[in-house]
């Protein structure tokens, strides 16, 4: 449902359904997060996007092609200036490099 709403341009409905799902105790999987990230980007909702980024880390979702590109797309739509930071950070997480090493160089 979330994916369908997002693909059809019904971003508010996708985000609303995701939030309702969470409130009722349903745990999201990677695909539901990927779908709602697209809707979040369309809405320009940076705060919810950052919440989703935290959820991805909290749940230990693999930073695969789907999750990574969805994060990049969302940040690119919502806050293009911070996109380079998020891409660098995501790359370091993928390579298991400490984020502190980035800032020390």
N, C-alpha and C. Protein backbone atom coordinates (compact mmCIF):
# COMPACT_ATOMS: atom_id res chain seq x y z
N UNK A 1 0.82 -1.19 0.00
CA UNK A 1 0.00 0.00 0.00
C UNK A 1 0.87 1.26 0.00
N UNK A 2 1.88 1.28 0.86
CA UNK A 2 2.75 2.46 0.95
C UNK A 2 3.44 2.70 -0.39
N UNK A 3 3.95 1.65 -0.97
CA UNK A 3 4.62 1.75 -2.27
C UNK A 3 3.66 2.26 -3.34
N UNK A 4 2.46 1.73 -3.35
CA UNK A 4 1.46 2.16 -4.32
C UNK A 4 1.11 3.63 -4.18
N UNK A 5 0.89 4.06 -2.95
CA UNK A 5 0.62 5.48 -2.71
C UNK A 5 1.78 6.34 -3.20
N UNK A 6 2.99 5.93 -2.86
CA UNK A 6 4.16 6.71 -3.22
C UNK A 6 4.33 6.79 -4.74
N UNK A 7 4.16 5.67 -5.42
CA UNK A 7 4.32 5.64 -6.88
C UNK A 7 3.24 6.45 -7.60
N UNK A 8 2.08 6.55 -7.00
CA UNK A 8 0.98 7.28 -7.63
C UNK A 8 0.97 8.77 -7.26
N UNK A 9 1.98 9.20 -6.51
CA UNK A 9 2.07 10.61 -6.15
C UNK A 9 1.23 10.99 -4.94
N UNK A 10 0.76 10.01 -4.22
CA UNK A 10 -0.05 10.26 -3.01
C UNK A 10 0.89 10.19 -1.80
N UNK A 11 1.81 11.13 -1.74
CA UNK A 11 2.87 11.09 -0.73
C UNK A 11 2.34 11.23 0.68
N UNK A 12 1.39 12.12 0.89
CA UNK A 12 0.83 12.30 2.24
C UNK A 12 0.18 11.02 2.73
N UNK A 13 -0.51 10.34 1.85
CA UNK A 13 -1.16 9.09 2.23
C UNK A 13 -0.12 8.02 2.56
N UNK A 14 0.97 7.97 1.78
CA UNK A 14 2.03 6.99 2.04
C UNK A 14 2.66 7.23 3.41
N UNK A 15 2.99 8.48 3.70
CA UNK A 15 3.59 8.82 5.00
C UNK A 15 2.58 8.55 6.12
N UNK A 16 1.35 8.92 5.91
CA UNK A 16 0.31 8.70 6.92
C UNK A 16 0.12 7.23 7.24
N UNK A 17 0.10 6.40 6.20
CA UNK A 17 -0.06 4.96 6.41
C UNK A 17 1.15 4.37 7.13
N UNK A 18 2.34 4.85 6.80
CA UNK A 18 3.55 4.39 7.48
C UNK A 18 3.48 4.73 8.96
N UNK A 19 3.10 5.96 9.26
CA UNK A 19 2.99 6.38 10.67
C UNK A 19 1.93 5.58 11.40
N UNK A 20 0.80 5.33 10.75
CA UNK A 20 -0.27 4.55 11.36
C UNK A 20 0.20 3.11 11.62
N UNK A 21 0.92 2.57 10.67
CA UNK A 21 1.46 1.22 10.81
C UNK A 21 2.36 1.14 12.05
N UNK A 22 3.23 2.14 12.21
CA UNK A 22 4.14 2.17 13.36
C UNK A 22 3.38 2.32 14.68
N UNK A 23 2.36 3.19 14.68
CA UNK A 23 1.58 3.41 15.90
C UNK A 23 0.86 2.15 16.34
N UNK A 24 0.49 1.30 15.38
CA UNK A 24 -0.22 0.06 15.70
C UNK A 24 0.73 -1.10 16.00
N UNK A 25 2.04 -0.80 16.05
CA UNK A 25 3.01 -1.81 16.44
C UNK A 25 3.57 -2.65 15.32
N UNK A 26 3.26 -2.32 14.08
CA UNK A 26 3.83 -3.06 12.95
C UNK A 26 5.23 -2.54 12.66
N UNK A 27 6.17 -3.43 12.57
CA UNK A 27 7.55 -3.05 12.31
C UNK A 27 7.78 -2.95 10.80
N UNK A 28 8.39 -1.87 10.36
CA UNK A 28 8.65 -1.73 8.92
C UNK A 28 9.79 -2.63 8.46
N UNK A 29 9.73 -2.99 7.18
CA UNK A 29 10.86 -3.68 6.58
C UNK A 29 11.57 -2.70 5.65
N UNK A 30 12.63 -3.16 5.03
CA UNK A 30 13.41 -2.27 4.17
C UNK A 30 12.58 -1.68 3.05
N UNK A 31 11.71 -2.47 2.46
CA UNK A 31 10.94 -1.98 1.32
C UNK A 31 9.91 -0.92 1.72
N UNK A 32 9.31 -1.05 2.88
CA UNK A 32 8.37 -0.01 3.31
C UNK A 32 9.11 1.29 3.61
N UNK A 33 10.32 1.18 4.16
CA UNK A 33 11.11 2.38 4.43
C UNK A 33 11.56 3.03 3.13
N UNK A 34 11.97 2.22 2.16
CA UNK A 34 12.37 2.75 0.86
C UNK A 34 11.20 3.50 0.22
N UNK A 35 10.03 2.93 0.28
CA UNK A 35 8.85 3.57 -0.32
C UNK A 35 8.49 4.88 0.36
N UNK A 36 8.55 4.89 1.67
CA UNK A 36 8.17 6.11 2.40
C UNK A 36 9.26 7.17 2.28
N UNK A 37 10.51 6.78 2.06
CA UNK A 37 11.57 7.76 1.83
C UNK A 37 11.30 8.56 0.55
N UNK A 38 10.81 7.88 -0.48
CA UNK A 38 10.46 8.57 -1.72
C UNK A 38 9.35 9.57 -1.50
N UNK A 39 8.34 9.17 -0.74
CA UNK A 39 7.23 10.08 -0.43
C UNK A 39 7.70 11.25 0.41
N UNK A 40 8.59 10.97 1.34
CA UNK A 40 9.14 12.01 2.21
C UNK A 40 9.89 13.05 1.38
N UNK A 41 10.67 12.59 0.41
CA UNK A 41 11.38 13.50 -0.47
C UNK A 41 10.43 14.35 -1.28
N UNK A 42 9.36 13.75 -1.77
CA UNK A 42 8.37 14.50 -2.54
C UNK A 42 7.71 15.59 -1.71
N UNK A 43 7.51 15.31 -0.42
CA UNK A 43 6.88 16.29 0.47
C UNK A 43 7.86 17.33 0.98
N UNK A 44 9.16 17.06 0.85
CA UNK A 44 10.16 17.99 1.36
C UNK A 44 10.24 18.00 2.87
N UNK A 45 9.95 16.85 3.49
CA UNK A 45 9.89 16.75 4.95
C UNK A 45 11.22 16.25 5.51
N UNK A 46 12.13 17.19 5.77
CA UNK A 46 13.47 16.85 6.24
C UNK A 46 13.44 16.18 7.62
N UNK A 47 12.61 16.67 8.52
CA UNK A 47 12.61 16.09 9.88
C UNK A 47 12.17 14.63 9.85
N UNK A 48 11.16 14.31 9.06
CA UNK A 48 10.73 12.91 8.97
C UNK A 48 11.78 12.09 8.23
N UNK A 49 12.45 12.68 7.24
CA UNK A 49 13.51 11.99 6.54
C UNK A 49 14.65 11.61 7.47
N UNK A 50 15.01 12.52 8.36
CA UNK A 50 16.07 12.22 9.33
C UNK A 50 15.61 11.16 10.32
N UNK A 51 14.34 11.17 10.67
CA UNK A 51 13.80 10.14 11.54
C UNK A 51 13.91 8.78 10.87
N UNK A 52 13.61 8.74 9.57
CA UNK A 52 13.72 7.48 8.83
C UNK A 52 15.17 7.01 8.73
N UNK A 53 16.09 7.97 8.55
CA UNK A 53 17.51 7.62 8.53
C UNK A 53 17.92 6.99 9.86
N UNK A 54 17.44 7.54 10.96
CA UNK A 54 17.72 6.96 12.28
C UNK A 54 17.10 5.58 12.44
N UNK A 55 15.91 5.40 11.89
CA UNK A 55 15.23 4.11 11.96
C UNK A 55 16.02 3.06 11.20
N UNK A 56 16.58 3.44 10.06
CA UNK A 56 17.39 2.52 9.27
C UNK A 56 18.59 2.04 10.09
N UNK A 57 19.23 2.97 10.77
CA UNK A 57 20.37 2.61 11.62
C UNK A 57 19.92 1.76 12.81
N UNK A 58 18.84 2.18 13.46
CA UNK A 58 18.33 1.48 14.64
C UNK A 58 17.96 0.04 14.33
N UNK A 59 17.31 -0.19 13.20
CA UNK A 59 16.86 -1.53 12.81
C UNK A 59 17.98 -2.36 12.20
N UNK A 60 19.11 -1.71 11.92
CA UNK A 60 20.23 -2.44 11.34
C UNK A 60 19.99 -2.86 9.90
N UNK A 61 19.18 -2.09 9.18
CA UNK A 61 18.93 -2.42 7.78
C UNK A 61 20.23 -2.31 7.00
N UNK A 62 20.43 -3.23 6.10
CA UNK A 62 21.63 -3.20 5.25
C UNK A 62 21.58 -1.98 4.34
N UNK A 63 22.68 -1.31 4.24
CA UNK A 63 22.76 -0.14 3.38
C UNK A 63 23.04 -0.63 1.96
N UNK A 64 22.02 -1.27 1.37
CA UNK A 64 22.17 -1.82 0.03
C UNK A 64 21.80 -0.77 -1.01
N UNK A 65 21.74 -1.19 -2.25
CA UNK A 65 21.44 -0.26 -3.34
C UNK A 65 20.10 0.42 -3.16
N UNK A 66 19.09 -0.30 -2.73
CA UNK A 66 17.75 0.27 -2.59
C UNK A 66 17.69 1.30 -1.47
N UNK A 67 18.17 0.92 -0.30
CA UNK A 67 18.12 1.81 0.86
C UNK A 67 19.03 3.01 0.64
N UNK A 68 20.25 2.77 0.19
CA UNK A 68 21.20 3.85 -0.03
C UNK A 68 20.73 4.86 -1.06
N UNK A 69 20.25 4.37 -2.20
CA UNK A 69 19.80 5.30 -3.23
C UNK A 69 18.54 6.04 -2.81
N UNK A 70 17.70 5.42 -2.02
CA UNK A 70 16.49 6.10 -1.52
C UNK A 70 16.86 7.23 -0.57
N UNK A 71 17.85 6.99 0.28
CA UNK A 71 18.32 8.05 1.17
C UNK A 71 18.93 9.20 0.37
N UNK A 72 19.75 8.87 -0.61
CA UNK A 72 20.37 9.89 -1.44
C UNK A 72 19.32 10.70 -2.18
N UNK A 73 18.34 10.03 -2.77
CA UNK A 73 17.27 10.73 -3.49
C UNK A 73 16.47 11.64 -2.56
N UNK A 74 16.14 11.13 -1.37
CA UNK A 74 15.36 11.93 -0.44
C UNK A 74 16.13 13.19 -0.02
N UNK A 75 17.40 13.03 0.39
CA UNK A 75 18.18 14.19 0.79
C UNK A 75 18.44 15.12 -0.39
N UNK A 76 18.59 14.55 -1.57
CA UNK A 76 18.80 15.38 -2.76
C UNK A 76 17.60 16.26 -3.06
N UNK A 77 16.40 15.76 -2.81
CA UNK A 77 15.18 16.55 -3.03
C UNK A 77 14.95 17.56 -1.91
N UNK A 78 15.21 17.12 -0.69
CA UNK A 78 14.85 17.93 0.48
C UNK A 78 15.94 18.95 0.85
N UNK A 79 17.18 18.51 0.85
CA UNK A 79 18.27 19.38 1.29
C UNK A 79 19.52 19.09 0.47
N UNK A 80 19.55 19.60 -0.75
CA UNK A 80 20.67 19.29 -1.64
C UNK A 80 22.04 19.68 -1.09
N UNK A 81 22.10 20.72 -0.25
CA UNK A 81 23.39 21.15 0.29
C UNK A 81 24.02 20.10 1.19
N UNK A 82 23.20 19.32 1.88
CA UNK A 82 23.75 18.32 2.80
C UNK A 82 23.94 16.96 2.13
N UNK A 83 23.60 16.88 0.85
CA UNK A 83 23.67 15.61 0.15
C UNK A 83 25.08 15.03 0.15
N UNK A 84 26.09 15.86 -0.08
CA UNK A 84 27.46 15.34 -0.14
C UNK A 84 27.89 14.75 1.19
N UNK A 85 27.46 15.35 2.30
CA UNK A 85 27.79 14.80 3.62
C UNK A 85 27.17 13.42 3.78
N UNK A 86 25.89 13.29 3.42
CA UNK A 86 25.21 12.02 3.60
C UNK A 86 25.78 10.93 2.69
N UNK A 87 26.15 11.29 1.48
CA UNK A 87 26.75 10.32 0.58
C UNK A 87 28.08 9.85 1.15
N UNK A 88 28.90 10.76 1.65
CA UNK A 88 30.19 10.40 2.24
C UNK A 88 30.00 9.53 3.47
N UNK A 89 29.07 9.91 4.32
CA UNK A 89 28.82 9.16 5.54
C UNK A 89 28.32 7.75 5.20
N UNK A 90 27.40 7.66 4.26
CA UNK A 90 26.87 6.35 3.86
C UNK A 90 27.98 5.47 3.31
N UNK A 91 28.89 6.05 2.54
CA UNK A 91 30.00 5.29 2.01
C UNK A 91 30.91 4.77 3.10
N UNK A 92 31.13 5.58 4.10
CA UNK A 92 31.99 5.17 5.22
C UNK A 92 31.33 4.09 6.05
N UNK A 93 30.03 4.18 6.24
CA UNK A 93 29.32 3.15 6.99
C UNK A 93 29.42 1.84 6.23
N UNK A 94 29.24 1.91 4.92
CA UNK A 94 29.31 0.71 4.08
C UNK A 94 30.69 0.07 4.17
N UNK A 95 31.72 0.90 4.23
CA UNK A 95 33.10 0.39 4.28
C UNK A 95 33.57 0.13 5.71
N UNK A 96 32.69 0.37 6.67
CA UNK A 96 33.00 0.16 8.09
C UNK A 96 34.12 1.08 8.58
N UNK A 97 34.22 2.24 7.98
CA UNK A 97 35.21 3.22 8.40
C UNK A 97 34.57 4.13 9.43
N UNK A 98 35.32 4.58 10.38
CA UNK A 98 34.78 5.48 11.40
C UNK A 98 34.48 6.83 10.79
N UNK A 99 33.30 7.37 11.11
CA UNK A 99 32.94 8.69 10.60
C UNK A 99 33.89 9.76 11.13
N UNK A 100 34.52 9.51 12.26
CA UNK A 100 35.47 10.48 12.80
C UNK A 100 36.69 10.60 11.90
N UNK A 101 37.05 9.56 11.20
CA UNK A 101 38.19 9.60 10.31
C UNK A 101 37.98 10.60 9.18
N UNK A 102 36.74 10.77 8.76
CA UNK A 102 36.44 11.75 7.71
C UNK A 102 36.79 13.13 8.18
N UNK A 103 36.36 13.45 9.38
CA UNK A 103 36.52 14.80 9.89
C UNK A 103 37.96 15.09 10.34
N UNK A 104 38.75 14.07 10.58
CA UNK A 104 40.14 14.26 10.97
C UNK A 104 41.04 14.53 9.78
N UNK A 105 40.53 14.32 8.56
CA UNK A 105 41.34 14.54 7.36
C UNK A 105 41.00 15.84 6.70
